[in-house]
Amino acid sequence: MDTNVDTLKEYLVFASHILSKEGVVTSHGHISARIPGTDKFLIPARRTPGLVRFEDILTFNLANEQLDGEGKPNSETILHTVVYRKRPDVNSVCHIHSLKSLMLSAVGLSLRTLTHHGMFFSDGVPIFHRPVIIVKESFAEDMARTLGQHRAVQLRGHGLVVVGPDVRRACIETLNYEQEAEIMINAMQLGKPEFLTPEELAEQQASSPLGPDWTGEMPVQLRRMWNYYVSRLTPQV
């Protein structure tokens, strides 16, 4: 796992641009990274994700205090702070105003797994039912309780929070959520979806790096996905 602060900042810039390029964020949304082994994390200043620059990255502690960096913080930085406090296993938090999660939570549905790209969320995606902007610590505490030990939480009327073991995987899994949610929504319009059974999930997870186990180094298949998304940011010669 990368612990170099400059590398983490570079990943945050790439991830912000990828989320914008792939259409899961527009003017709002943010992704952060814990500095491993510390009580600090990095998060872009209040800026459109597609325009985030290296110099826009701020440093915060778990008291939600800005320690370093220029610019104003995002109003929902407390969301990231509280998740890092509650989940020492989490090293990246991504919050987007996801159209697909808004659609599902609006009708009381949580994401369910239909393909191997959804296996990361196979333990369920709960819904945080308070339709609030998470600018207060009490709101963030309530949201974190709903998240629990899950990999993501849908925010009714607001969007989605995905947590991961590092910035690159949190970014990729956010995109995987959008893909899986789109398949689920479209499948429900065609008929009755055949969601993967617990037995089928167990069989796939035994041979796939896309499952919920996020220990160890980033698998080569996920690095390949990250490199693909990075390649889409700039024209290739």
Protein backbone atom coordinates (compact mmCIF):
# COMPACT_ATOMS: atom_id res chain seq x y z
CA MET A 1 0.00 0.00 0.00
CA ASP A 2 1.33 3.42 -0.94
CA THR A 3 2.10 5.63 2.05
CA ASN A 4 3.94 8.42 0.24
CA VAL A 5 1.89 11.59 0.66
CA ASP A 6 2.73 12.98 -2.78
CA THR A 7 1.71 9.69 -4.41
CA LEU A 8 -1.59 9.72 -2.51
CA LYS A 9 -2.21 13.29 -3.67
CA GLU A 10 -1.55 12.24 -7.27
CA TYR A 11 -4.00 9.35 -6.90
CA LEU A 12 -6.64 11.74 -5.54
CA VAL A 13 -6.20 14.03 -8.54
CA PHE A 14 -6.49 11.09 -10.95
CA ALA A 15 -9.47 9.64 -9.09
CA SER A 16 -11.30 12.99 -9.08
CA HIS A 17 -10.74 13.37 -12.82
CA ILE A 18 -11.75 9.75 -13.52
CA LEU A 19 -15.01 10.10 -11.62
CA SER A 20 -15.75 13.23 -13.65
CA LYS A 21 -14.69 11.68 -16.98
CA GLU A 22 -16.86 8.62 -16.39
CA GLY A 23 -19.86 10.79 -15.60
CA VAL A 24 -20.56 9.81 -11.99
CA VAL A 25 -19.82 13.33 -10.71
CA THR A 26 -20.45 16.74 -12.22
CA SER A 27 -19.85 19.88 -10.18
CA HIS A 28 -19.98 18.14 -6.79
CA GLY A 29 -18.46 15.06 -5.18
CA HIS A 30 -15.22 14.23 -3.42
CA ILE A 31 -12.84 11.37 -2.65
CA SER A 32 -10.32 11.27 0.18
CA ALA A 33 -7.38 9.16 1.35
CA ARG A 34 -6.16 8.31 4.82
CA ILE A 35 -2.41 8.68 5.29
CA PRO A 36 -1.72 5.12 6.50
CA GLY A 37 -0.44 4.81 10.04
CA THR A 38 -1.59 8.31 11.02
CA ASP A 39 -4.69 10.13 12.23
CA LYS A 40 -4.63 12.33 9.11
CA PHE A 41 -6.28 12.20 5.73
CA LEU A 42 -6.09 14.05 2.41
CA ILE A 43 -9.07 15.55 0.59
CA PRO A 44 -9.42 18.05 -2.26
CA ALA A 45 -10.50 21.59 -1.44
CA ARG A 46 -13.96 22.78 -2.51
CA ARG A 47 -13.58 22.46 -6.26
CA THR A 48 -15.29 20.75 -9.19
CA PRO A 49 -13.81 17.21 -9.23
CA GLY A 50 -12.78 17.39 -12.89
CA LEU A 51 -10.69 20.49 -12.11
CA VAL A 52 -8.91 19.24 -8.99
CA ARG A 53 -5.14 19.94 -9.00
CA PHE A 54 -2.28 18.60 -6.89
CA GLU A 55 -2.07 21.90 -5.02
CA ASP A 56 -5.78 21.69 -4.11
CA ILE A 57 -5.26 18.75 -1.74
CA LEU A 58 -5.81 19.59 1.93
CA THR A 59 -4.68 17.69 5.02
CA PHE A 60 -7.13 17.09 7.89
CA ASN A 61 -6.94 15.29 11.21
CA LEU A 62 -9.65 13.17 12.83
CA ALA A 63 -10.80 16.16 14.88
CA ASN A 64 -11.90 17.60 11.50
CA GLU A 65 -9.25 20.31 11.68
CA GLN A 66 -7.48 21.52 8.54
CA LEU A 67 -3.75 21.12 9.07
CA ASP A 68 -2.30 21.97 5.69
CA GLY A 69 -3.20 23.21 2.22
CA GLU A 70 -4.76 26.25 0.63
CA GLY A 71 -8.43 26.73 -0.12
CA LYS A 72 -11.72 26.11 1.63
CA PRO A 73 -12.72 22.55 2.52
CA ASN A 74 -15.79 20.82 1.17
CA SER A 75 -18.81 21.38 3.38
CA GLU A 76 -19.18 17.60 3.87
CA THR A 77 -15.59 16.93 4.96
CA ILE A 78 -17.05 15.79 8.29
CA LEU A 79 -18.54 12.80 6.45
CA HIS A 80 -15.01 11.56 5.68
CA THR A 81 -13.69 12.41 9.15
CA VAL A 82 -16.31 10.36 10.97
CA VAL A 83 -15.94 7.33 8.68
CA TYR A 84 -12.18 7.29 9.29
CA ARG A 85 -12.78 7.49 13.03
CA LYS A 86 -15.27 4.62 12.99
CA ARG A 87 -13.56 2.38 10.44
CA PRO A 88 -9.80 1.90 10.95
CA ASP A 89 -9.86 -0.59 8.06
CA VAL A 90 -10.94 2.15 5.62
CA ASN A 91 -8.24 4.13 3.80
CA SER A 92 -10.40 5.93 1.25
CA VAL A 93 -13.89 7.43 1.22
CA CYS A 94 -15.73 8.47 -1.93
CA HIS A 95 -18.95 10.50 -1.92
CA ILE A 96 -20.84 11.14 -5.15
CA HIS A 97 -24.31 12.36 -6.07
CA SER A 98 -24.98 9.14 -7.90
CA LEU A 99 -28.00 9.14 -10.21
CA LYS A 100 -28.34 5.35 -9.95
CA SER A 101 -28.22 5.29 -6.15
CA LEU A 102 -30.77 8.11 -6.06
CA MET A 103 -33.09 6.09 -8.27
CA LEU A 104 -32.77 2.93 -6.18
CA SER A 105 -33.10 4.59 -2.78
CA ALA A 106 -36.07 6.67 -3.99
CA VAL A 107 -38.09 3.46 -4.24
CA GLY A 108 -36.53 1.83 -1.18
CA LEU A 109 -34.27 -0.58 -3.07
CA SER A 110 -30.67 -1.44 -2.25
CA LEU A 111 -28.11 -2.61 -4.76
CA ARG A 112 -28.06 -6.39 -5.22
CA THR A 113 -25.47 -8.43 -7.08
CA LEU A 114 -26.12 -9.55 -10.66
CA THR A 115 -22.56 -9.71 -12.05
CA HIS A 116 -19.03 -10.26 -10.78
CA HIS A 117 -18.45 -6.49 -10.86
CA GLY A 118 -20.99 -6.17 -8.05
CA MET A 119 -19.38 -8.71 -5.75
CA PHE A 120 -17.63 -6.01 -3.73
CA PHE A 121 -21.10 -5.05 -2.46
CA SER A 122 -22.40 -8.58 -1.98
CA ASP A 123 -22.81 -8.10 1.78
CA GLY A 124 -25.45 -5.45 1.08
CA VAL A 125 -25.73 -1.70 0.60
CA PRO A 126 -27.93 -0.17 3.31
CA ILE A 127 -29.96 3.00 2.82
CA PHE A 128 -29.47 6.07 5.03
CA HIS A 129 -33.00 7.39 5.03
CA ARG A 130 -32.44 10.96 6.26
CA PRO A 131 -32.38 13.15 3.11
CA VAL A 132 -29.85 15.64 4.49
CA ILE A 133 -26.61 17.21 3.33
CA ILE A 134 -24.06 15.81 5.77
CA VAL A 135 -22.59 19.02 7.13
CA LYS A 136 -23.14 18.26 10.83
CA GLU A 137 -21.23 15.75 12.90
CA SER A 138 -24.48 14.25 14.19
CA PHE A 139 -25.59 13.60 10.60
CA ALA A 140 -22.22 11.97 9.83
CA GLU A 141 -22.45 9.81 12.96
CA ASP A 142 -25.92 8.61 11.93
CA MET A 143 -24.72 7.88 8.40
CA ALA A 144 -21.67 5.97 9.68
CA ARG A 145 -23.91 3.82 11.89
CA THR A 146 -25.98 2.93 8.85
CA LEU A 147 -22.84 2.14 6.87
CA GLY A 148 -21.63 -0.14 9.65
CA GLN A 149 -19.12 -2.64 8.26
CA HIS A 150 -20.54 -2.48 4.74
CA ARG A 151 -18.63 -1.26 1.69
CA ALA A 152 -21.15 1.40 0.73
CA VAL A 153 -24.27 3.21 1.85
CA GLN A 154 -26.97 4.78 -0.30
CA LEU A 155 -28.09 8.23 0.86
CA ARG A 156 -31.78 8.74 0.13
CA GLY A 157 -32.27 11.93 -1.87
CA HIS A 158 -28.53 12.60 -1.80
CA GLY A 159 -26.29 9.99 -3.38
CA LEU A 160 -23.75 7.37 -2.38
CA VAL A 161 -20.75 6.78 -0.12
CA VAL A 162 -18.25 4.03 -1.01
CA VAL A 163 -15.33 3.08 1.24
CA GLY A 164 -12.23 1.15 0.27
CA PRO A 165 -8.76 0.00 1.28
CA ASP A 166 -7.06 2.63 -0.90
CA VAL A 167 -7.89 5.47 -3.29
CA ARG A 168 -7.63 3.51 -6.51
CA ARG A 169 -9.89 0.69 -5.35
CA ALA A 170 -12.46 3.08 -3.85
CA CYS A 171 -12.58 4.90 -7.18
CA ILE A 172 -12.92 1.68 -9.20
CA GLU A 173 -15.59 0.26 -6.89
CA THR A 174 -17.59 3.47 -7.13
CA LEU A 175 -17.64 3.02 -10.89
CA ASN A 176 -18.50 -0.67 -10.45
CA TYR A 177 -21.43 0.33 -8.25
CA GLU A 178 -22.78 2.60 -11.00
CA GLN A 179 -22.42 -0.17 -13.58
CA GLU A 180 -24.10 -2.77 -11.38
CA ALA A 181 -26.91 -0.38 -10.44
CA GLU A 182 -27.55 0.43 -14.09
CA ILE A 183 -27.76 -3.28 -14.93
CA MET A 184 -30.14 -3.84 -12.00
CA ILE A 185 -32.43 -0.94 -12.95
CA ASN A 186 -32.55 -1.96 -16.60
CA ALA A 187 -33.06 -5.63 -15.75
CA MET A 188 -36.05 -4.79 -13.54
CA GLN A 189 -37.67 -3.07 -16.51
CA LEU A 190 -37.20 -6.17 -18.67
CA GLY A 191 -38.43 -8.71 -16.14
CA LYS A 192 -37.49 -10.34 -12.85
CA PRO A 193 -33.71 -10.16 -12.31
CA GLU A 194 -31.86 -13.35 -11.35
CA PHE A 195 -29.65 -12.08 -8.56
CA LEU A 196 -26.62 -14.17 -7.67
CA THR A 197 -27.37 -16.64 -4.88
CA PRO A 198 -25.13 -16.96 -1.82
CA GLU A 199 -23.71 -20.17 -3.29
CA GLU A 200 -22.98 -18.52 -6.63
CA LEU A 201 -21.36 -15.56 -4.89
CA ALA A 202 -19.15 -17.84 -2.82
CA GLU A 203 -18.06 -19.71 -5.95
CA GLN A 204 -17.20 -16.52 -7.81
CA GLN A 205 -15.47 -14.89 -4.86
CA ALA A 206 -13.20 -17.91 -4.51
CA SER A 207 -11.63 -17.17 -7.89
CA SER A 208 -12.09 -13.41 -8.37
CA PRO A 209 -10.23 -10.35 -7.03
CA LEU A 210 -13.40 -8.27 -7.28
CA GLY A 211 -15.00 -9.67 -4.13
CA PRO A 212 -15.28 -8.03 -0.71
CA ASP A 213 -11.88 -9.18 0.60
CA TRP A 214 -9.64 -6.10 0.37
CA THR A 215 -6.62 -7.28 2.31
CA GLY A 216 -3.18 -7.41 0.73
CA GLU A 217 -1.82 -5.65 -2.31
CA MET A 218 -4.03 -4.37 -5.08
CA PRO A 219 -4.69 -7.32 -7.46
CA VAL A 220 -3.33 -7.08 -10.98
CA GLN A 221 -6.86 -7.15 -12.43
CA LEU A 222 -7.79 -4.03 -10.47
CA ARG A 223 -4.55 -2.28 -11.42
CA ARG A 224 -5.48 -3.02 -15.02
CA MET A 225 -8.85 -1.35 -14.52
CA TRP A 226 -7.22 1.68 -12.87
CA ASN A 227 -4.73 2.02 -15.73
CA TYR A 228 -7.59 1.82 -18.24
CA TYR A 229 -9.48 4.67 -16.60
CA VAL A 230 -6.31 6.77 -16.32
CA SER A 231 -5.65 6.20 -20.03
CA ARG A 232 -9.07 7.68 -20.86
CA LEU A 233 -8.12 11.00 -19.28
CA THR A 234 -5.65 11.98 -22.00
CA PRO A 235 -5.44 11.15 -25.74
CA GLN A 236 -3.18 8.20 -26.44
CA VAL A 237 -0.51 8.45 -29.15
